[in-house]
N, C-alpha and C. Protein backbone atom coordinates (compact mmCIF):
# COMPACT_ATOMS: atom_id res chain seq x y z
N MET A 1 1.36 58.98 126.37
CA MET A 1 2.62 58.26 126.52
C MET A 1 2.62 57.62 127.92
N THR A 2 2.90 56.34 127.98
CA THR A 2 2.90 55.63 129.25
C THR A 2 4.20 55.88 130.00
N LYS A 3 4.17 55.57 131.28
CA LYS A 3 5.39 55.74 132.10
C LYS A 3 6.51 54.86 131.58
N ARG A 4 6.15 53.67 131.13
CA ARG A 4 7.17 52.75 130.62
C ARG A 4 7.80 53.31 129.34
N THR A 5 7.02 53.85 128.44
CA THR A 5 7.53 54.42 127.20
C THR A 5 8.39 55.64 127.49
N LEU A 6 7.92 56.47 128.40
CA LEU A 6 8.68 57.66 128.79
C LEU A 6 10.02 57.27 129.42
N GLY A 7 10.00 56.27 130.28
CA GLY A 7 11.23 55.78 130.91
C GLY A 7 12.21 55.23 129.88
N LEU A 8 11.67 54.48 128.90
CA LEU A 8 12.50 53.93 127.84
C LEU A 8 13.09 55.05 126.98
N LEU A 9 12.29 56.07 126.68
CA LEU A 9 12.77 57.20 125.89
C LEU A 9 13.89 57.94 126.62
N ILE A 10 13.73 58.15 127.90
CA ILE A 10 14.77 58.83 128.70
C ILE A 10 16.04 58.01 128.72
N MET A 11 15.93 56.68 128.85
CA MET A 11 17.12 55.82 128.86
C MET A 11 17.85 55.88 127.51
N VAL A 12 17.10 55.90 126.41
CA VAL A 12 17.71 55.97 125.08
C VAL A 12 18.44 57.30 124.90
N VAL A 13 17.82 58.40 125.33
CA VAL A 13 18.45 59.72 125.21
C VAL A 13 19.72 59.77 126.06
N LEU A 14 19.67 59.28 127.28
CA LEU A 14 20.86 59.27 128.15
C LEU A 14 21.97 58.40 127.57
N ALA A 15 21.61 57.27 127.00
CA ALA A 15 22.61 56.40 126.38
C ALA A 15 23.26 57.09 125.19
N ALA A 16 22.46 57.79 124.38
CA ALA A 16 23.00 58.51 123.22
C ALA A 16 23.94 59.62 123.67
N LEU A 17 23.56 60.36 124.69
CA LEU A 17 24.43 61.43 125.21
C LEU A 17 25.72 60.85 125.77
N SER A 18 25.62 59.73 126.44
CA SER A 18 26.81 59.08 126.99
C SER A 18 27.77 58.64 125.89
N LEU A 19 27.24 58.07 124.83
CA LEU A 19 28.08 57.65 123.71
C LEU A 19 28.71 58.84 123.00
N ALA A 20 27.98 59.91 122.87
CA ALA A 20 28.52 61.11 122.23
C ALA A 20 29.68 61.67 123.04
N ALA A 21 29.56 61.66 124.36
CA ALA A 21 30.64 62.15 125.22
C ALA A 21 31.85 61.25 125.13
N CYS A 22 31.64 59.96 125.02
CA CYS A 22 32.76 59.02 124.96
C CYS A 22 33.50 59.09 123.63
N SER A 23 32.81 59.52 122.57
CA SER A 23 33.47 59.53 121.27
C SER A 23 34.32 60.78 121.06
N SER A 24 34.21 61.78 121.94
CA SER A 24 35.02 62.98 121.77
C SER A 24 36.46 62.70 122.16
N SER A 25 37.38 63.54 121.73
CA SER A 25 38.80 63.34 122.02
C SER A 25 39.08 63.62 123.48
N ARG A 26 39.91 62.79 124.06
CA ARG A 26 40.32 62.94 125.46
C ARG A 26 41.84 62.93 125.49
N PRO A 27 42.44 63.49 126.57
CA PRO A 27 43.89 63.44 126.67
C PRO A 27 44.45 62.02 126.59
N GLY A 28 43.67 61.02 127.00
CA GLY A 28 44.13 59.64 126.92
C GLY A 28 44.30 59.17 125.48
N ASP A 29 43.66 59.88 124.55
CA ASP A 29 43.76 59.56 123.13
C ASP A 29 44.97 60.23 122.49
N GLN A 30 45.72 60.97 123.25
CA GLN A 30 46.83 61.77 122.74
C GLN A 30 48.02 60.89 122.38
N ASP A 31 48.54 61.06 121.18
CA ASP A 31 49.78 60.40 120.79
C ASP A 31 50.91 61.39 121.06
N PRO A 32 51.83 61.08 121.98
CA PRO A 32 52.90 62.01 122.31
C PRO A 32 53.73 62.46 121.11
N LYS A 33 53.79 61.63 120.06
CA LYS A 33 54.55 62.01 118.86
C LYS A 33 53.92 63.19 118.13
N ASP A 34 52.64 63.43 118.36
CA ASP A 34 51.95 64.53 117.69
C ASP A 34 52.23 65.88 118.36
N VAL A 35 52.77 65.85 119.56
CA VAL A 35 53.02 67.09 120.31
C VAL A 35 54.36 67.68 119.87
N LYS A 36 54.31 68.90 119.41
CA LYS A 36 55.51 69.62 118.96
C LYS A 36 55.78 70.78 119.92
N VAL A 37 57.07 70.97 120.23
CA VAL A 37 57.47 71.99 121.19
C VAL A 37 58.59 72.83 120.59
N GLU A 38 58.42 74.13 120.64
CA GLU A 38 59.46 75.06 120.22
C GLU A 38 59.85 75.90 121.43
N LEU A 39 61.16 76.07 121.63
CA LEU A 39 61.65 76.89 122.73
C LEU A 39 62.54 77.99 122.16
N ARG A 40 62.31 79.20 122.64
CA ARG A 40 63.18 80.31 122.30
C ARG A 40 63.38 81.16 123.54
N THR A 41 64.38 82.01 123.50
CA THR A 41 64.64 82.90 124.63
C THR A 41 64.50 84.34 124.16
N ASP A 42 64.15 85.20 125.10
CA ASP A 42 64.09 86.64 124.84
C ASP A 42 64.87 87.33 125.95
N PRO A 43 66.01 87.94 125.62
CA PRO A 43 66.59 88.14 124.30
C PRO A 43 67.05 86.81 123.70
N ALA A 44 67.23 86.81 122.38
CA ALA A 44 67.58 85.60 121.64
C ALA A 44 68.89 85.01 122.12
N GLU A 45 69.86 85.86 122.49
CA GLU A 45 71.14 85.38 123.02
C GLU A 45 71.11 85.50 124.53
N ALA A 46 71.04 84.34 125.19
CA ALA A 46 71.02 84.31 126.65
C ALA A 46 72.42 84.61 127.19
N LYS A 47 72.48 85.48 128.21
CA LYS A 47 73.77 85.84 128.82
C LYS A 47 73.74 85.49 130.30
N ALA A 48 74.87 85.01 130.79
CA ALA A 48 75.00 84.64 132.19
C ALA A 48 74.76 85.86 133.07
N GLY A 49 73.99 85.67 134.13
CA GLY A 49 73.73 86.73 135.09
C GLY A 49 72.61 87.68 134.70
N ALA A 50 72.07 87.56 133.50
CA ALA A 50 70.98 88.42 133.05
C ALA A 50 69.71 87.59 132.86
N GLU A 51 68.60 88.13 133.32
CA GLU A 51 67.36 87.38 133.18
C GLU A 51 66.94 87.27 131.71
N VAL A 52 66.52 86.08 131.35
CA VAL A 52 65.95 85.84 130.02
C VAL A 52 64.55 85.28 130.22
N LYS A 53 63.76 85.41 129.20
CA LYS A 53 62.43 84.81 129.23
C LYS A 53 62.48 83.55 128.38
N LEU A 54 62.11 82.43 128.98
CA LEU A 54 61.97 81.17 128.25
C LEU A 54 60.56 81.15 127.68
N ILE A 55 60.46 81.01 126.38
CA ILE A 55 59.16 81.04 125.70
C ILE A 55 58.97 79.74 124.94
N THR A 56 57.90 79.04 125.26
CA THR A 56 57.62 77.74 124.65
C THR A 56 56.27 77.76 123.96
N THR A 57 56.24 77.26 122.74
CA THR A 57 54.98 77.08 122.02
C THR A 57 54.74 75.58 121.90
N VAL A 58 53.57 75.15 122.35
CA VAL A 58 53.20 73.73 122.33
C VAL A 58 52.03 73.56 121.35
N THR A 59 52.20 72.68 120.37
CA THR A 59 51.12 72.41 119.41
C THR A 59 50.90 70.90 119.31
N GLY A 60 49.72 70.53 118.83
CA GLY A 60 49.41 69.12 118.59
C GLY A 60 48.71 68.42 119.73
N LEU A 61 48.32 69.17 120.78
CA LEU A 61 47.61 68.54 121.89
C LEU A 61 46.14 68.38 121.56
N VAL A 62 45.56 67.26 121.96
CA VAL A 62 44.13 67.03 121.78
C VAL A 62 43.33 68.01 122.62
N ASP A 63 43.77 68.23 123.87
CA ASP A 63 43.08 69.12 124.80
C ASP A 63 44.08 70.17 125.26
N GLU A 64 44.05 71.35 124.63
CA GLU A 64 45.01 72.40 124.97
C GLU A 64 44.62 73.17 126.23
N LYS A 65 43.34 73.17 126.59
CA LYS A 65 42.86 74.00 127.69
C LYS A 65 43.41 73.57 129.05
N ASN A 66 43.58 72.31 129.26
CA ASN A 66 43.96 71.78 130.58
C ASN A 66 45.44 71.43 130.65
N THR A 67 46.27 72.27 130.08
CA THR A 67 47.70 71.98 130.00
C THR A 67 48.47 72.83 131.01
N ILE A 68 49.43 72.19 131.65
CA ILE A 68 50.36 72.86 132.57
C ILE A 68 51.76 72.59 132.05
N VAL A 69 52.59 73.61 132.01
CA VAL A 69 53.97 73.47 131.56
C VAL A 69 54.89 73.88 132.70
N GLN A 70 55.96 73.12 132.88
CA GLN A 70 57.01 73.44 133.85
C GLN A 70 58.35 73.27 133.15
N TYR A 71 59.34 74.02 133.64
CA TYR A 71 60.70 73.92 133.10
C TYR A 71 61.62 73.32 134.13
N GLU A 72 62.46 72.41 133.68
CA GLU A 72 63.53 71.85 134.51
C GLU A 72 64.83 72.18 133.78
N ILE A 73 65.72 72.87 134.47
CA ILE A 73 66.94 73.35 133.81
C ILE A 73 68.15 72.66 134.44
N ARG A 74 68.97 72.08 133.56
CA ARG A 74 70.19 71.36 133.99
C ARG A 74 71.34 71.77 133.09
N LYS A 75 72.52 71.73 133.64
CA LYS A 75 73.70 71.89 132.79
C LYS A 75 73.81 70.66 131.91
N ALA A 76 74.22 70.85 130.68
CA ALA A 76 74.30 69.74 129.73
C ALA A 76 75.29 68.67 130.18
N ASP A 77 76.31 69.08 130.95
CA ASP A 77 77.29 68.09 131.44
C ASP A 77 76.82 67.41 132.73
N HIS A 78 75.60 67.71 133.16
CA HIS A 78 74.96 67.13 134.35
C HIS A 78 75.66 67.48 135.66
N SER A 79 76.48 68.53 135.67
CA SER A 79 77.08 68.96 136.93
C SER A 79 76.07 69.87 137.64
N GLY A 80 76.06 69.79 138.94
CA GLY A 80 75.13 70.62 139.71
C GLY A 80 73.74 70.02 139.75
N LEU A 81 72.89 70.66 140.53
CA LEU A 81 71.51 70.20 140.69
C LEU A 81 70.60 70.90 139.68
N PRO A 82 69.57 70.23 139.24
CA PRO A 82 68.62 70.88 138.33
C PRO A 82 67.78 71.91 139.07
N GLU A 83 67.26 72.88 138.32
CA GLU A 83 66.35 73.88 138.88
C GLU A 83 65.00 73.70 138.22
N LEU A 84 63.94 73.80 139.01
CA LEU A 84 62.59 73.61 138.52
C LEU A 84 61.83 74.93 138.57
N ILE A 85 61.21 75.29 137.46
CA ILE A 85 60.36 76.48 137.41
C ILE A 85 58.93 75.98 137.27
N GLU A 86 58.15 76.18 138.33
CA GLU A 86 56.76 75.72 138.33
C GLU A 86 55.78 76.83 137.96
N GLN A 87 56.16 78.08 138.20
CA GLN A 87 55.30 79.21 137.90
C GLN A 87 55.53 79.68 136.48
N VAL A 88 54.70 79.20 135.57
CA VAL A 88 54.84 79.49 134.15
C VAL A 88 53.56 80.18 133.68
N ASP A 89 53.73 81.32 133.01
CA ASP A 89 52.59 82.05 132.47
C ASP A 89 52.10 81.39 131.19
N ARG A 90 50.81 81.52 130.95
CA ARG A 90 50.22 80.91 129.76
C ARG A 90 49.41 81.95 128.99
N GLN A 91 49.58 81.93 127.68
CA GLN A 91 48.76 82.75 126.80
C GLN A 91 48.47 81.91 125.56
N GLY A 92 47.30 81.29 125.54
CA GLY A 92 46.96 80.37 124.45
C GLY A 92 47.82 79.12 124.51
N THR A 93 48.58 78.88 123.45
CA THR A 93 49.47 77.71 123.41
C THR A 93 50.93 78.10 123.65
N THR A 94 51.13 79.33 124.17
CA THR A 94 52.48 79.81 124.46
C THR A 94 52.65 79.95 125.96
N TYR A 95 53.77 79.44 126.45
CA TYR A 95 54.07 79.44 127.88
C TYR A 95 55.40 80.16 128.08
N SER A 96 55.53 80.90 129.19
CA SER A 96 56.78 81.64 129.40
C SER A 96 57.07 81.82 130.88
N ALA A 97 58.36 81.96 131.16
CA ALA A 97 58.82 82.21 132.53
C ALA A 97 60.20 82.86 132.45
N GLY A 98 60.48 83.71 133.42
CA GLY A 98 61.80 84.33 133.49
C GLY A 98 62.77 83.43 134.23
N PHE A 99 64.04 83.50 133.84
CA PHE A 99 65.08 82.72 134.50
C PHE A 99 66.43 83.40 134.29
N THR A 100 67.28 83.32 135.30
CA THR A 100 68.64 83.85 135.20
C THR A 100 69.62 82.69 135.28
N PHE A 101 70.37 82.49 134.21
CA PHE A 101 71.40 81.45 134.19
C PHE A 101 72.61 82.00 134.93
N SER A 102 73.14 81.24 135.87
CA SER A 102 74.21 81.74 136.73
C SER A 102 75.56 81.86 136.04
N GLU A 103 75.82 81.01 135.06
CA GLU A 103 77.11 81.06 134.39
C GLU A 103 76.97 80.65 132.92
N SER A 104 78.00 81.00 132.15
CA SER A 104 77.95 80.62 130.74
C SER A 104 78.23 79.12 130.62
N ALA A 105 77.40 78.47 129.84
CA ALA A 105 77.51 77.02 129.62
C ALA A 105 76.39 76.62 128.68
N THR A 106 76.39 75.37 128.30
CA THR A 106 75.26 74.82 127.56
C THR A 106 74.34 74.17 128.59
N TYR A 107 73.06 74.52 128.51
CA TYR A 107 72.06 73.99 129.43
C TYR A 107 71.05 73.17 128.64
N ASP A 108 70.50 72.17 129.30
CA ASP A 108 69.38 71.42 128.75
C ASP A 108 68.13 71.89 129.49
N VAL A 109 67.15 72.35 128.74
CA VAL A 109 65.88 72.75 129.33
C VAL A 109 64.88 71.63 129.02
N TYR A 110 64.43 70.98 130.08
CA TYR A 110 63.42 69.93 129.95
C TYR A 110 62.06 70.60 130.14
N ILE A 111 61.24 70.49 129.13
CA ILE A 111 59.92 71.10 129.15
C ILE A 111 58.92 69.99 129.50
N HIS A 112 58.34 70.10 130.69
CA HIS A 112 57.38 69.12 131.16
C HIS A 112 55.98 69.62 130.81
N ILE A 113 55.24 68.80 130.07
CA ILE A 113 53.89 69.14 129.65
C ILE A 113 52.94 68.17 130.34
N TYR A 114 52.06 68.72 131.17
CA TYR A 114 51.08 67.91 131.89
C TYR A 114 49.70 68.23 131.34
N ASN A 115 48.95 67.17 131.03
CA ASN A 115 47.60 67.34 130.51
C ASN A 115 46.79 66.15 131.02
N GLY A 116 46.06 66.36 132.10
CA GLY A 116 45.34 65.24 132.73
C GLY A 116 46.35 64.22 133.23
N GLU A 117 46.21 62.98 132.81
CA GLU A 117 47.14 61.93 133.21
C GLU A 117 48.36 61.86 132.30
N LEU A 118 48.35 62.64 131.24
CA LEU A 118 49.44 62.64 130.27
C LEU A 118 50.59 63.51 130.77
N HIS A 119 51.82 63.00 130.63
CA HIS A 119 53.03 63.76 130.95
C HIS A 119 54.03 63.52 129.83
N ILE A 120 54.37 64.59 129.12
CA ILE A 120 55.34 64.52 128.03
C ILE A 120 56.50 65.42 128.41
N THR A 121 57.72 64.96 128.17
CA THR A 121 58.91 65.77 128.42
C THR A 121 59.68 65.93 127.12
N LYS A 122 60.03 67.16 126.81
CA LYS A 122 60.85 67.46 125.64
C LYS A 122 62.10 68.18 126.12
N LYS A 123 63.25 67.84 125.53
CA LYS A 123 64.53 68.45 125.92
C LYS A 123 65.01 69.38 124.81
N LYS A 124 65.37 70.62 125.21
CA LYS A 124 65.86 71.61 124.26
C LYS A 124 67.13 72.23 124.83
N PRO A 125 68.17 72.40 124.01
CA PRO A 125 69.41 73.02 124.50
C PRO A 125 69.33 74.55 124.46
N VAL A 126 70.01 75.18 125.41
CA VAL A 126 70.16 76.64 125.43
C VAL A 126 71.62 76.95 125.69
N GLU A 127 72.22 77.72 124.80
CA GLU A 127 73.62 78.14 124.94
C GLU A 127 73.63 79.50 125.63
N VAL A 128 74.32 79.56 126.78
CA VAL A 128 74.39 80.79 127.54
C VAL A 128 75.80 81.37 127.39
N LYS A 129 75.87 82.60 126.92
CA LYS A 129 77.14 83.29 126.67
C LYS A 129 77.58 84.05 127.92
N PRO A 130 78.90 84.34 128.00
CA PRO A 130 79.39 85.11 129.17
C PRO A 130 78.87 86.54 129.17
């Protein structure tokens, strides 16, 4: 085998590997409509002044491994400042964090999903009892 043939063979193999890598799914190929988010609390009935666990299940992501989830919590009537929870535990496609709601009210929990350059936000209501 000549050097020229060997060089050509190496270029063909590298080109094939490059094309195979490009054809795989990437976060840029993600359709945000395919991402489904479920939020629940533990205990199921959130009470003011008591810590609850916010538990989120995220499905439909092209690349689940490189996902970061954060919670932004606001009162539904938009009074007061929002609170951001950046330290969220992950177990597979389930994310969780503890939080104590200061008073009874309806809250909007904005679930921020980061995956590479992709950022999806889903809003879920939480009713907090006295």
